[in-house]
Amino acid sequence: MSEENKELELGDIITLDDEDGEPLGDFEVIALFDLNGKEYIALTEALEDEESEEELDEEVDIFVFQVDGGEMVPLEEDEEEAVYAKLNEVLEGIELIDKD
């Protein structure tokens, strides 16, 4: 799974491909953060406008990748716990800003 990191920003929509180059779908960037000197990106499946209102109360899948040399690479098993803990902090910060 690779997608070039063209200075992605929150809210950007990107298309991910599998190992064979087949499109997996469109995903929205929901967080960009650093941890221990590495860059990470968190994505969730992009929703259509009508779907987004209905899906707000439902759980969504979040996918996190390390950004290395402009490409997104899967997390190593030994870093998953720390990365997801940091992601939770980042997302809580975003929610607090949205509520103000």
N, C-alpha and C. Protein backbone atom coordinates (compact mmCIF):
# COMPACT_ATOMS: atom_id res chain seq x y z
N MET A 1 0.84 -1.17 0.00
CA MET A 1 0.00 0.00 0.00
C MET A 1 0.88 1.23 0.00
N SER A 2 0.92 1.91 -1.07
CA SER A 2 1.70 3.13 -1.07
C SER A 2 0.94 4.22 -1.80
N GLU A 3 1.12 5.40 -1.33
CA GLU A 3 0.54 6.59 -1.92
C GLU A 3 1.54 7.69 -1.64
N GLU A 4 1.88 8.46 -2.66
CA GLU A 4 2.87 9.50 -2.45
C GLU A 4 2.32 10.54 -1.50
N ASN A 5 3.17 11.01 -0.60
CA ASN A 5 2.80 12.04 0.35
C ASN A 5 3.13 13.39 -0.27
N LYS A 6 2.14 14.03 -0.87
CA LYS A 6 2.34 15.31 -1.53
C LYS A 6 1.92 16.40 -0.56
N GLU A 7 2.64 16.55 0.56
CA GLU A 7 2.29 17.55 1.57
C GLU A 7 0.81 17.45 1.90
N LEU A 8 0.41 16.30 2.35
CA LEU A 8 -0.98 16.06 2.70
C LEU A 8 -1.40 16.93 3.87
N GLU A 9 -2.67 17.29 3.89
CA GLU A 9 -3.23 18.09 4.97
C GLU A 9 -4.50 17.41 5.47
N LEU A 10 -4.93 17.80 6.67
CA LEU A 10 -6.17 17.26 7.22
C LEU A 10 -7.31 17.51 6.25
N GLY A 11 -8.14 16.50 6.06
CA GLY A 11 -9.30 16.62 5.20
C GLY A 11 -9.03 16.24 3.75
N ASP A 12 -7.76 16.08 3.37
CA ASP A 12 -7.45 15.65 2.00
C ASP A 12 -8.01 14.26 1.75
N ILE A 13 -8.42 14.01 0.53
CA ILE A 13 -8.91 12.69 0.12
C ILE A 13 -7.86 12.08 -0.81
N ILE A 14 -7.44 10.86 -0.47
CA ILE A 14 -6.46 10.16 -1.30
C ILE A 14 -6.99 8.78 -1.64
N THR A 15 -6.52 8.23 -2.74
CA THR A 15 -6.89 6.88 -3.14
C THR A 15 -5.73 5.95 -2.84
N LEU A 16 -6.00 4.89 -2.11
CA LEU A 16 -4.97 3.90 -1.79
C LEU A 16 -5.07 2.72 -2.74
N ASP A 17 -3.91 2.18 -3.09
CA ASP A 17 -3.84 1.00 -3.93
C ASP A 17 -3.28 -0.16 -3.13
N ASP A 18 -3.68 -1.39 -3.49
CA ASP A 18 -3.09 -2.56 -2.83
C ASP A 18 -1.75 -2.89 -3.48
N GLU A 19 -1.16 -4.00 -3.06
CA GLU A 19 0.16 -4.39 -3.54
C GLU A 19 0.19 -4.62 -5.06
N ASP A 20 -0.97 -4.95 -5.64
CA ASP A 20 -1.06 -5.22 -7.08
C ASP A 20 -1.42 -3.98 -7.88
N GLY A 21 -1.54 -2.83 -7.20
CA GLY A 21 -1.90 -1.60 -7.90
C GLY A 21 -3.38 -1.40 -8.10
N GLU A 22 -4.19 -2.29 -7.52
CA GLU A 22 -5.64 -2.15 -7.63
C GLU A 22 -6.14 -1.15 -6.58
N PRO A 23 -7.03 -0.24 -6.97
CA PRO A 23 -7.53 0.75 -6.01
C PRO A 23 -8.33 0.10 -4.88
N LEU A 24 -8.05 0.53 -3.64
CA LEU A 24 -8.80 0.05 -2.48
C LEU A 24 -9.96 0.99 -2.16
N GLY A 25 -9.86 2.23 -2.59
CA GLY A 25 -10.91 3.20 -2.32
C GLY A 25 -10.32 4.54 -1.93
N ASP A 26 -11.22 5.47 -1.63
CA ASP A 26 -10.81 6.81 -1.22
C ASP A 26 -10.81 6.90 0.30
N PHE A 27 -9.79 7.57 0.82
CA PHE A 27 -9.63 7.71 2.26
C PHE A 27 -9.35 9.17 2.60
N GLU A 28 -9.88 9.60 3.75
CA GLU A 28 -9.70 10.97 4.20
C GLU A 28 -8.61 11.03 5.26
N VAL A 29 -7.75 12.04 5.17
CA VAL A 29 -6.71 12.26 6.16
C VAL A 29 -7.37 12.89 7.39
N ILE A 30 -7.28 12.19 8.55
CA ILE A 30 -7.89 12.72 9.76
C ILE A 30 -6.87 13.16 10.79
N ALA A 31 -5.60 12.77 10.61
CA ALA A 31 -4.55 13.21 11.54
C ALA A 31 -3.19 13.02 10.89
N LEU A 32 -2.30 13.96 11.20
CA LEU A 32 -0.89 13.88 10.83
C LEU A 32 -0.11 14.19 12.10
N PHE A 33 0.83 13.33 12.47
CA PHE A 33 1.56 13.57 13.72
C PHE A 33 2.93 12.92 13.67
N ASP A 34 3.80 13.39 14.58
CA ASP A 34 5.15 12.86 14.73
C ASP A 34 5.25 12.12 16.06
N LEU A 35 6.06 11.07 16.07
CA LEU A 35 6.33 10.33 17.30
C LEU A 35 7.72 9.73 17.18
N ASN A 36 8.55 10.01 18.15
CA ASN A 36 9.92 9.49 18.17
C ASN A 36 10.67 9.74 16.87
N GLY A 37 10.50 10.93 16.32
CA GLY A 37 11.22 11.30 15.11
C GLY A 37 10.68 10.73 13.82
N LYS A 38 9.54 10.06 13.88
CA LYS A 38 8.92 9.50 12.67
C LYS A 38 7.59 10.20 12.43
N GLU A 39 7.21 10.28 11.14
CA GLU A 39 5.94 10.88 10.76
C GLU A 39 4.89 9.80 10.56
N TYR A 40 3.65 10.11 10.96
CA TYR A 40 2.55 9.16 10.80
C TYR A 40 1.33 9.88 10.22
N ILE A 41 0.51 9.11 9.52
CA ILE A 41 -0.73 9.62 8.95
C ILE A 41 -1.86 8.67 9.32
N ALA A 42 -3.00 9.24 9.70
CA ALA A 42 -4.18 8.44 10.04
C ALA A 42 -5.26 8.73 9.01
N LEU A 43 -5.87 7.66 8.51
CA LEU A 43 -6.88 7.75 7.47
C LEU A 43 -8.14 7.02 7.88
N THR A 44 -9.26 7.45 7.34
CA THR A 44 -10.51 6.73 7.48
C THR A 44 -11.20 6.76 6.12
N GLU A 45 -12.05 5.79 5.88
CA GLU A 45 -12.72 5.72 4.58
C GLU A 45 -13.50 7.01 4.33
N ALA A 46 -13.32 7.58 3.16
CA ALA A 46 -14.02 8.81 2.79
C ALA A 46 -15.50 8.49 2.58
N LEU A 47 -16.34 9.36 3.12
CA LEU A 47 -17.79 9.16 3.01
C LEU A 47 -18.38 10.19 2.07
N GLU A 48 -19.46 9.80 1.42
CA GLU A 48 -20.22 10.75 0.60
C GLU A 48 -20.92 11.73 1.55
N ASP A 49 -21.31 12.88 1.06
CA ASP A 49 -21.94 13.90 1.90
C ASP A 49 -23.16 13.37 2.64
N GLU A 50 -24.02 12.61 1.94
CA GLU A 50 -25.22 12.10 2.60
C GLU A 50 -24.85 11.08 3.68
N GLU A 51 -23.82 10.29 3.40
CA GLU A 51 -23.40 9.26 4.36
C GLU A 51 -22.78 9.87 5.61
N SER A 52 -22.05 10.97 5.46
CA SER A 52 -21.29 11.51 6.58
C SER A 52 -22.18 11.86 7.77
N GLU A 53 -23.36 12.43 7.51
CA GLU A 53 -24.25 12.77 8.61
C GLU A 53 -24.76 11.53 9.32
N GLU A 54 -25.09 10.49 8.54
CA GLU A 54 -25.60 9.26 9.13
C GLU A 54 -24.51 8.51 9.88
N GLU A 55 -23.26 8.59 9.42
CA GLU A 55 -22.16 7.82 9.98
C GLU A 55 -21.53 8.49 11.20
N LEU A 56 -21.87 9.73 11.50
CA LEU A 56 -21.21 10.45 12.58
C LEU A 56 -21.27 9.71 13.91
N ASP A 57 -22.39 9.04 14.18
CA ASP A 57 -22.56 8.37 15.46
C ASP A 57 -22.05 6.94 15.46
N GLU A 58 -21.67 6.42 14.28
CA GLU A 58 -21.19 5.05 14.19
C GLU A 58 -19.67 5.01 14.27
N GLU A 59 -19.14 3.86 14.69
CA GLU A 59 -17.69 3.71 14.72
C GLU A 59 -17.15 3.64 13.31
N VAL A 60 -15.96 4.20 13.13
CA VAL A 60 -15.31 4.14 11.82
C VAL A 60 -13.94 3.48 12.00
N ASP A 61 -13.49 2.83 10.93
CA ASP A 61 -12.17 2.22 10.95
C ASP A 61 -11.13 3.30 10.68
N ILE A 62 -10.04 3.24 11.45
CA ILE A 62 -8.94 4.18 11.27
C ILE A 62 -7.71 3.38 10.91
N PHE A 63 -7.03 3.82 9.87
CA PHE A 63 -5.81 3.16 9.41
C PHE A 63 -4.65 4.12 9.60
N VAL A 64 -3.58 3.64 10.22
CA VAL A 64 -2.41 4.49 10.47
C VAL A 64 -1.21 3.91 9.74
N PHE A 65 -0.46 4.80 9.10
CA PHE A 65 0.74 4.41 8.38
C PHE A 65 1.89 5.32 8.79
N GLN A 66 3.10 4.80 8.71
CA GLN A 66 4.27 5.64 8.88
C GLN A 66 4.57 6.25 7.52
N VAL A 67 4.96 7.51 7.51
CA VAL A 67 5.35 8.17 6.27
C VAL A 67 6.87 8.12 6.22
N ASP A 68 7.40 7.42 5.22
CA ASP A 68 8.84 7.23 5.10
C ASP A 68 9.27 7.52 3.67
N GLY A 69 10.05 8.57 3.49
CA GLY A 69 10.52 8.91 2.16
C GLY A 69 9.39 9.24 1.20
N GLY A 70 8.32 9.82 1.69
CA GLY A 70 7.20 10.19 0.84
C GLY A 70 6.22 9.07 0.57
N GLU A 71 6.48 7.88 1.11
CA GLU A 71 5.55 6.76 0.94
C GLU A 71 4.98 6.35 2.28
N MET A 72 3.75 5.81 2.23
CA MET A 72 3.12 5.31 3.44
C MET A 72 3.44 3.83 3.57
N VAL A 73 3.96 3.46 4.75
CA VAL A 73 4.30 2.06 4.99
C VAL A 73 3.56 1.58 6.24
N PRO A 74 3.17 0.30 6.27
CA PRO A 74 2.46 -0.23 7.44
C PRO A 74 3.30 -0.11 8.71
N LEU A 75 2.60 -0.04 9.84
CA LEU A 75 3.28 0.04 11.14
C LEU A 75 3.94 -1.29 11.47
N GLU A 76 5.05 -1.20 12.17
CA GLU A 76 5.69 -2.39 12.73
C GLU A 76 4.90 -2.79 13.97
N GLU A 77 4.83 -4.08 14.25
CA GLU A 77 4.06 -4.55 15.42
C GLU A 77 4.51 -3.90 16.71
N ASP A 78 5.82 -3.73 16.88
CA ASP A 78 6.34 -3.20 18.14
C ASP A 78 6.06 -1.70 18.33
N GLU A 79 5.59 -1.00 17.31
CA GLU A 79 5.31 0.42 17.46
C GLU A 79 3.82 0.73 17.49
N GLU A 80 2.97 -0.26 17.22
CA GLU A 80 1.53 -0.02 17.13
C GLU A 80 0.93 0.59 18.39
N GLU A 81 1.25 0.04 19.55
CA GLU A 81 0.64 0.52 20.80
C GLU A 81 0.95 1.99 21.05
N ALA A 82 2.21 2.38 20.91
CA ALA A 82 2.60 3.77 21.14
C ALA A 82 1.98 4.71 20.10
N VAL A 83 1.94 4.26 18.86
CA VAL A 83 1.38 5.09 17.78
C VAL A 83 -0.11 5.32 18.00
N TYR A 84 -0.86 4.28 18.34
CA TYR A 84 -2.29 4.45 18.55
C TYR A 84 -2.58 5.26 19.81
N ALA A 85 -1.73 5.18 20.82
CA ALA A 85 -1.89 6.02 22.02
C ALA A 85 -1.70 7.49 21.65
N LYS A 86 -0.69 7.78 20.84
CA LYS A 86 -0.45 9.15 20.38
C LYS A 86 -1.59 9.62 19.51
N LEU A 87 -2.10 8.76 18.63
CA LEU A 87 -3.23 9.12 17.78
C LEU A 87 -4.44 9.51 18.63
N ASN A 88 -4.71 8.75 19.68
CA ASN A 88 -5.84 9.09 20.56
C ASN A 88 -5.66 10.48 21.16
N GLU A 89 -4.44 10.82 21.57
CA GLU A 89 -4.17 12.17 22.11
C GLU A 89 -4.44 13.23 21.05
N VAL A 90 -3.98 12.98 19.84
CA VAL A 90 -4.16 13.94 18.74
C VAL A 90 -5.65 14.12 18.44
N LEU A 91 -6.39 13.02 18.34
CA LEU A 91 -7.81 13.10 18.02
C LEU A 91 -8.60 13.77 19.14
N GLU A 92 -8.23 13.52 20.39
CA GLU A 92 -8.90 14.20 21.51
C GLU A 92 -8.67 15.70 21.43
N GLY A 93 -7.47 16.10 21.05
CA GLY A 93 -7.16 17.52 20.89
C GLY A 93 -8.00 18.15 19.79
N ILE A 94 -8.20 17.43 18.70
CA ILE A 94 -9.01 17.94 17.59
C ILE A 94 -10.46 18.09 18.03
N GLU A 95 -10.98 17.09 18.77
CA GLU A 95 -12.37 17.15 19.24
C GLU A 95 -12.56 18.33 20.18
N LEU A 96 -11.59 18.61 21.05
CA LEU A 96 -11.70 19.74 21.97
C LEU A 96 -11.76 21.05 21.21
N ILE A 97 -10.98 21.18 20.16
CA ILE A 97 -10.99 22.39 19.34
C ILE A 97 -12.34 22.55 18.65
N ASP A 98 -12.88 21.45 18.12
CA ASP A 98 -14.16 21.49 17.41
C ASP A 98 -15.31 21.90 18.33
N LYS A 99 -15.23 21.55 19.61
CA LYS A 99 -16.32 21.85 20.55
C LYS A 99 -16.32 23.31 20.98
N ASP A 100 -15.20 23.98 20.85
CA ASP A 100 -15.12 25.39 21.29
C ASP A 100 -15.78 26.34 20.33
